């Protein structure tokens, strides 16, 4: 694998990560389940959700609760490419979120977490999470919807 291949794959994975959180923050996560393999898992600070249908239901239930503003800030992204169809990605998540309409009072972040993804490129060429695991480092008293 050439350095250009690794750079391209790294960029594709980082772009998918940003698109995922953009969808969660601006579209209630309506497409979030599409970023996982059919049997993919999403482990938050509270529980593990297994499979696209279960992940889709989680985001749908958030929307059904009513007005909520969230911003998931991603930093320190580190992609490690195993081959053309397998990679891992570690990154830091900083979450600001609260129920209600803007403008809301800003406090400390709800959550700062180390995150670990196991990714596969599927037959359609898209990188998807086989596993995403959030490991909380800091939590405020403001609840997440984990």
Foldseek 3Di string as FASTA:
>chain_A
DDPVLVVVVLVQVVVLVVVLQCCCQPVLSQPNLVQADQQAWEADPPGIATGSVRVNVLSVVVVVVAAKGKHWDKDPWDWADPDLFWIKIKIKIFMAMDGDDPPDDDDHTQFIWIKMFIWTQDPVRHIHGSYIHTGTDDGDPGDDSD
